[in-house]
Amino acid sequence: MTPRPDVMQWRQELVDACRFGEEARAGVLVTQLGARKAKPLLEEMLTHPDALVRQAAAFGLGVLGGAASARRLEQQLAIEEARGDTDGESVVEAIIQALGHITESGARTTLVRRLARLVTRKPDPGDVSELAHALWRRRHPDLIPSVRHNLERLGPPASRPLHGLLMLLEKSPEELRQWALDPSIPVVHKTGVLTVLEEELPESLVSALPSFISVAHSLSGAAARQQGEASYYCDRLLILLLLHEERVLPALPSESRAELRDLARTLVAATALNCSLRAASLLKFVGQPEDADIIEAHRPTEPVLAKVFDDASRALRNHASSGERGTP
């Protein structure tokens, strides 16, 4: 039977919203329709041959939540894994993300089972990272034994996000602050923590960020020269801070803001353009008016990228003209 025109329109709007990363719009489409009407439509969409439709269905069931949605997504996860093709892998990713937003314990159990299956082969680091992010959303002390067990079976680089997840599960905010400052801890492990926190940064862990900022400050010279782990660590820290700029940056102590300013001034001249772009964006929030000069000195010629530098420079010069000051 051909779906009604209104149903087909709703389905297409949901698919388009998910396809273009418009999660807020996709969530509104599901909630406005209501669970009673949306659930059977979404379950039917899971059987569609088009992977984009199945991805949208997984997202929708994640929005609805509940034990029934978690069970249906677990069933579909097995089906998509068995496909062994690119389409199946794309739907697996959508299912993992959806399970990460379902609060019932069954969703957490499904994620742990997926991790156990994944580590039996040489997994792609991106697949492990997706699972670590989803498990962090469903964090619970009960996860620690299974995460530790599966971590022992993984080698680098796939183990990085899982090690970060384990540290976040095991350590209190104070313990995490001390752990980050410990020079005997490899930088790669500290980077793993930052990548997991990109998924969700609880208020209780904001107080640990100054330690991670101090580590980045000490690595800034090597990072500017694009030296291995130092560069990657600083880049992930900038990503995390910019993701939560409005909540985190104003709450930082003055010492941390000063370290961030020094770090960003150094990284504006970094060899890696992505790192340089993020440093310019960060200076807009923690810099001084005179930092506009260094931003302009390293402005790229490509128009889209140059706009990031122009916006940052303009914001700092506007602070100067209005009499505002940034970090002392």
Protein backbone atom coordinates (compact mmCIF):
# COMPACT_ATOMS: atom_id res chain seq x y z
CA MET A 1 0.00 0.00 0.00
CA THR A 2 1.32 3.43 -0.98
CA PRO A 3 1.69 5.76 2.03
CA ARG A 4 -0.67 8.75 2.21
CA PRO A 5 0.71 11.99 0.75
CA ASP A 6 0.92 13.62 4.20
CA VAL A 7 2.88 10.64 5.55
CA MET A 8 5.24 10.68 2.57
CA GLN A 9 5.84 14.41 3.05
CA TRP A 10 6.57 13.95 6.78
CA ARG A 11 8.96 11.11 6.02
CA GLN A 12 10.79 13.09 3.34
CA GLU A 13 11.12 16.12 5.62
CA LEU A 14 12.55 13.92 8.36
CA VAL A 15 15.02 12.26 5.97
CA ASP A 16 16.13 15.64 4.60
CA ALA A 17 16.60 17.09 8.10
CA CYS A 18 18.74 14.12 9.19
CA ARG A 19 20.68 14.09 5.95
CA PHE A 20 21.75 17.71 6.37
CA GLY A 21 22.48 17.44 10.09
CA GLU A 22 19.46 19.53 11.16
CA GLU A 23 18.87 17.52 14.31
CA ALA A 24 16.74 20.16 16.02
CA ARG A 25 14.31 20.27 13.09
CA ALA A 26 14.26 16.48 12.85
CA GLY A 27 13.50 16.19 16.56
CA VAL A 28 10.62 18.65 16.28
CA LEU A 29 9.14 16.67 13.37
CA VAL A 30 9.11 13.51 15.51
CA THR A 31 7.79 15.07 18.71
CA GLN A 32 5.10 17.11 16.96
CA LEU A 33 3.69 13.99 15.33
CA GLY A 34 3.61 12.21 18.69
CA ALA A 35 4.81 8.78 19.77
CA ARG A 36 1.57 6.97 18.93
CA LYS A 37 1.68 8.03 15.27
CA ALA A 38 5.43 8.31 14.80
CA LYS A 39 6.52 4.95 16.21
CA PRO A 40 4.85 2.67 13.61
CA LEU A 41 5.99 4.96 10.79
CA LEU A 42 9.57 4.91 12.03
CA GLU A 43 9.58 1.14 12.44
CA GLU A 44 8.30 0.78 8.88
CA MET A 45 11.06 3.14 7.68
CA LEU A 46 13.66 0.79 9.20
CA THR A 47 12.75 -1.77 6.53
CA HIS A 48 13.24 0.66 3.65
CA PRO A 49 15.99 -0.19 1.10
CA ASP A 50 17.34 3.39 1.18
CA ALA A 51 19.96 3.77 3.93
CA LEU A 52 19.11 7.46 4.38
CA VAL A 53 15.54 6.51 5.28
CA ARG A 54 16.76 3.90 7.77
CA GLN A 55 19.17 6.42 9.32
CA ALA A 56 16.30 8.88 9.82
CA ALA A 57 14.19 6.13 11.36
CA ALA A 58 16.94 5.30 13.85
CA PHE A 59 17.24 8.97 14.79
CA GLY A 60 13.48 9.21 15.29
CA LEU A 61 13.35 6.18 17.58
CA GLY A 62 16.19 7.69 19.59
CA VAL A 63 14.09 10.83 20.04
CA LEU A 64 11.07 8.81 21.17
CA GLY A 65 13.22 6.74 23.55
CA GLY A 66 11.80 4.04 25.77
CA ALA A 67 12.54 0.36 26.20
CA ALA A 68 10.59 -0.64 23.09
CA SER A 69 12.62 1.71 20.89
CA ALA A 70 15.86 0.40 22.39
CA ARG A 71 14.85 -3.21 21.66
CA ARG A 72 13.86 -2.40 18.07
CA LEU A 73 17.13 -0.57 17.48
CA GLU A 74 19.09 -3.54 18.87
CA GLN A 75 17.32 -5.81 16.39
CA GLN A 76 18.08 -3.44 13.53
CA LEU A 77 21.70 -3.12 14.65
CA ALA A 78 22.18 -6.87 14.09
CA ILE A 79 20.56 -6.61 10.65
CA GLU A 80 22.76 -3.69 9.59
CA GLU A 81 25.94 -5.32 10.89
CA ALA A 82 25.11 -8.44 8.87
CA ARG A 83 24.85 -6.42 5.66
CA GLY A 84 28.60 -5.85 5.66
CA ASP A 85 28.39 -2.91 3.26
CA THR A 86 28.79 0.86 3.37
CA ASP A 87 25.05 1.48 3.63
CA GLY A 88 24.80 -0.84 6.60
CA GLU A 89 27.73 0.86 8.30
CA SER A 90 26.09 4.26 7.89
CA VAL A 91 22.91 3.01 9.55
CA VAL A 92 24.93 1.36 12.34
CA GLU A 93 26.42 4.76 13.09
CA ALA A 94 22.93 6.31 13.27
CA ILE A 95 21.72 3.52 15.57
CA ILE A 96 24.69 3.93 17.93
CA GLN A 97 24.01 7.66 18.17
CA ALA A 98 20.31 7.02 18.80
CA LEU A 99 21.02 4.48 21.55
CA GLY A 100 23.28 7.04 23.19
CA HIS A 101 20.22 9.28 23.68
CA ILE A 102 17.93 6.62 25.17
CA THR A 103 17.96 6.58 28.95
CA GLU A 104 16.77 3.01 29.55
CA SER A 105 19.46 0.60 30.73
CA GLY A 106 18.73 -1.69 27.79
CA ALA A 107 20.28 0.87 25.46
CA ARG A 108 23.49 0.81 27.49
CA THR A 109 23.55 -2.98 27.39
CA THR A 110 23.20 -2.97 23.61
CA LEU A 111 26.12 -0.56 23.29
CA VAL A 112 28.32 -2.76 25.49
CA ARG A 113 27.48 -5.79 23.37
CA ARG A 114 28.35 -3.87 20.23
CA LEU A 115 31.72 -2.94 21.78
CA ALA A 116 32.45 -6.56 22.64
CA ARG A 117 31.75 -7.62 19.05
CA LEU A 118 33.77 -4.76 17.64
CA VAL A 119 36.99 -5.52 19.51
CA THR A 120 37.09 -9.12 18.27
CA ARG A 121 38.43 -7.76 14.98
CA LYS A 122 40.75 -4.87 14.15
CA PRO A 123 38.20 -2.05 14.43
CA ASP A 124 38.27 1.32 12.78
CA PRO A 125 39.18 4.00 15.38
CA GLY A 126 36.14 6.00 14.26
CA ASP A 127 33.81 3.13 15.16
CA VAL A 128 35.34 2.86 18.63
CA SER A 129 35.09 6.63 19.06
CA GLU A 130 31.37 6.59 18.20
CA LEU A 131 30.77 3.92 20.81
CA ALA A 132 32.84 5.72 23.44
CA HIS A 133 30.78 8.86 22.87
CA ALA A 134 27.49 7.00 23.10
CA LEU A 135 28.59 5.15 26.26
CA TRP A 136 29.68 8.44 27.81
CA ARG A 137 26.14 9.74 27.33
CA ARG A 138 24.87 6.61 29.06
CA ARG A 139 27.65 6.69 31.66
CA HIS A 140 27.25 4.57 34.77
CA PRO A 141 29.75 2.96 37.17
CA ASP A 142 28.51 -0.44 36.00
CA LEU A 143 30.25 0.22 32.69
CA ILE A 144 33.75 0.28 34.18
CA PRO A 145 34.49 -3.50 34.17
CA SER A 146 33.36 -4.02 30.57
CA VAL A 147 35.14 -0.90 29.30
CA ARG A 148 38.38 -1.93 31.06
CA HIS A 149 38.11 -5.50 29.74
CA ASN A 150 37.59 -4.40 26.14
CA LEU A 151 40.30 -1.77 26.41
CA GLU A 152 42.82 -4.50 27.25
CA ARG A 153 41.96 -6.18 23.95
CA LEU A 154 42.55 -3.08 21.83
CA GLY A 155 45.76 -1.54 20.58
CA PRO A 156 46.41 2.04 19.49
CA PRO A 157 45.03 4.14 17.90
CA ALA A 158 41.59 2.57 18.38
CA SER A 159 42.14 2.38 22.15
CA ARG A 160 42.49 6.17 22.58
CA PRO A 161 38.79 7.11 23.02
CA LEU A 162 38.08 4.02 25.11
CA HIS A 163 40.95 4.87 27.47
CA GLY A 164 39.56 8.40 27.74
CA LEU A 165 36.13 7.02 28.57
CA LEU A 166 37.58 4.78 31.30
CA MET A 167 39.41 7.69 32.93
CA LEU A 168 36.23 9.76 32.94
CA LEU A 169 34.23 6.92 34.46
CA GLU A 170 36.79 6.13 37.14
CA LYS A 171 38.01 9.51 38.31
CA SER A 172 36.41 12.29 40.31
CA PRO A 173 36.85 15.88 39.03
CA GLU A 174 39.70 16.45 41.51
CA GLU A 175 41.40 13.19 40.55
CA LEU A 176 41.04 14.13 36.88
CA ARG A 177 42.68 17.51 37.52
CA GLN A 178 45.69 15.84 39.14
CA TRP A 179 45.84 13.13 36.49
CA ALA A 180 45.95 15.70 33.68
CA LEU A 181 48.86 17.53 35.31
CA ASP A 182 50.88 14.35 35.86
CA PRO A 183 53.82 14.51 33.38
CA SER A 184 54.22 10.74 33.48
CA ILE A 185 50.81 10.27 31.80
CA PRO A 186 51.19 10.10 28.00
CA VAL A 187 49.64 13.04 26.15
CA VAL A 188 47.75 10.60 23.94
CA HIS A 189 45.70 9.45 26.95
CA LYS A 190 44.85 13.04 27.88
CA THR A 191 43.78 13.66 24.29
CA GLY A 192 41.42 10.70 24.57
CA VAL A 193 39.64 12.36 27.49
CA LEU A 194 39.18 15.58 25.53
CA THR A 195 37.68 13.79 22.52
CA VAL A 196 35.11 12.02 24.71
CA LEU A 197 34.18 15.27 26.45
CA GLU A 198 33.35 16.78 23.07
CA GLU A 199 30.25 14.59 23.14
CA GLU A 200 29.06 15.95 26.48
CA LEU A 201 30.76 18.16 29.06
CA PRO A 202 29.03 17.85 32.44
CA GLU A 203 29.07 20.89 34.69
CA SER A 204 30.95 18.89 37.33
CA LEU A 205 33.94 18.50 34.99
CA VAL A 206 34.28 22.14 33.94
CA SER A 207 36.47 22.62 37.00
CA ALA A 208 38.98 20.12 35.56
CA LEU A 209 39.57 22.12 32.38
CA PRO A 210 42.23 24.48 33.82
CA SER A 211 44.56 21.49 34.22
CA PHE A 212 44.09 20.51 30.59
CA ILE A 213 44.64 24.13 29.55
CA SER A 214 47.94 24.21 31.49
CA VAL A 215 49.08 21.09 29.67
CA ALA A 216 48.26 22.69 26.31
CA HIS A 217 50.11 25.85 27.34
CA SER A 218 53.24 23.80 28.00
CA LEU A 219 52.89 22.10 24.59
CA SER A 220 52.11 25.24 22.57
CA GLY A 221 55.54 25.61 20.94
CA ALA A 222 55.62 22.02 19.71
CA ALA A 223 51.97 22.25 18.63
CA ALA A 224 52.66 25.36 16.54
CA ARG A 225 55.34 23.40 14.69
CA GLN A 226 52.78 20.62 14.14
CA GLN A 227 54.68 18.07 16.16
CA GLY A 228 52.66 14.89 16.58
CA GLU A 229 50.62 14.44 19.71
CA ALA A 230 51.24 17.98 20.98
CA SER A 231 49.52 19.45 17.93
CA TYR A 232 46.62 17.02 18.09
CA TYR A 233 46.12 17.55 21.82
CA CYS A 234 45.96 21.34 21.49
CA ASP A 235 43.62 21.09 18.52
CA ARG A 236 41.17 18.89 20.45
CA LEU A 237 41.28 21.25 23.42
CA LEU A 238 40.42 24.22 21.19
CA ILE A 239 37.54 22.24 19.66
CA LEU A 240 36.17 21.38 23.10
CA LEU A 241 36.39 24.96 24.37
CA LEU A 242 34.78 26.45 21.27
CA LEU A 243 31.95 23.92 21.42
CA HIS A 244 31.09 25.21 24.89
CA GLU A 245 32.41 28.76 24.65
CA GLU A 246 29.43 30.56 26.20
CA ARG A 247 29.26 28.27 29.22
CA VAL A 248 32.93 27.50 29.83
CA LEU A 249 35.10 30.48 28.89
CA PRO A 250 33.51 33.04 31.23
CA ALA A 251 33.76 30.56 34.13
CA LEU A 252 37.51 29.99 33.79
CA PRO A 253 39.83 31.55 36.38
CA SER A 254 41.93 34.50 35.20
CA GLU A 255 45.11 32.38 35.20
CA SER A 256 43.55 29.89 32.78
CA ARG A 257 42.26 32.64 30.53
CA ALA A 258 45.75 34.15 30.43
CA GLU A 259 47.23 30.76 29.51
CA LEU A 260 44.59 30.37 26.80
CA ARG A 261 45.46 33.77 25.40
CA ASP A 262 49.16 32.84 25.21
CA LEU A 263 48.27 29.49 23.66
CA ALA A 264 46.01 31.04 21.03
CA ARG A 265 48.55 33.74 20.14
CA THR A 266 51.12 31.02 19.52
CA LEU A 267 48.79 28.76 17.56
CA VAL A 268 47.50 31.50 15.26
CA ALA A 269 50.84 31.08 13.50
CA ALA A 270 50.58 27.27 13.50
CA THR A 271 51.48 25.28 10.41
CA ALA A 272 48.16 23.44 10.57
CA LEU A 273 45.46 25.75 9.21
CA ASN A 274 42.61 24.18 11.21
CA CYS A 275 44.48 24.82 14.44
CA SER A 276 45.26 28.38 13.35
CA LEU A 277 41.59 29.04 12.55
CA ARG A 278 40.46 27.80 15.95
CA ALA A 279 43.13 29.85 17.71
CA ALA A 280 41.90 33.01 15.96
CA SER A 281 38.32 32.18 16.97
CA LEU A 282 39.39 31.63 20.58
CA LEU A 283 41.26 34.96 20.73
CA LYS A 284 37.97 36.67 19.98
CA PHE A 285 36.85 35.59 23.45
CA VAL A 286 40.05 35.64 25.53
CA GLY A 287 42.30 38.06 23.69
CA GLN A 288 43.28 41.70 24.10
CA PRO A 289 42.64 44.40 21.47
CA GLU A 290 46.31 44.38 20.49
CA ASP A 291 45.98 40.71 19.52
CA ALA A 292 44.16 41.87 16.40
CA ASP A 293 47.56 42.63 14.88
CA ILE A 294 48.81 39.05 15.15
CA ILE A 295 45.51 37.72 13.80
CA GLU A 296 45.74 39.98 10.77
CA ALA A 297 49.39 39.08 10.23
CA HIS A 298 48.43 35.42 9.73
CA ARG A 299 45.18 35.96 7.84
CA PRO A 300 44.81 33.40 5.02
CA THR A 301 43.97 34.57 1.50
CA GLU A 302 41.08 32.16 0.89
CA PRO A 303 37.91 34.28 1.43
CA VAL A 304 35.90 31.86 3.58
CA LEU A 305 38.83 31.15 5.88
CA ALA A 306 39.87 34.80 5.93
CA LYS A 307 36.43 35.74 7.26
CA VAL A 308 37.13 33.84 10.49
CA PHE A 309 40.25 35.94 11.05
CA ASP A 310 38.47 39.14 10.04
CA ASP A 311 35.62 38.50 12.46
CA ALA A 312 38.03 37.85 15.33
CA SER A 313 40.12 40.92 14.56
CA ARG A 314 37.04 43.12 14.24
CA ALA A 315 35.66 41.89 17.57
CA LEU A 316 38.91 42.71 19.37
CA ARG A 317 39.19 46.16 17.78
CA ASN A 318 35.58 46.85 18.73
CA HIS A 319 36.51 46.02 22.34
CA ALA A 320 39.26 48.62 22.10
CA SER A 321 36.97 51.32 20.72
CA SER A 322 34.33 50.66 23.35
CA GLY A 323 36.85 50.68 26.19
CA GLU A 324 36.42 46.97 27.01
CA ARG A 325 39.40 44.85 28.01
CA GLY A 326 39.98 41.16 27.73
CA THR A 327 42.27 38.99 29.79
CA PRO A 328 44.71 40.93 31.99
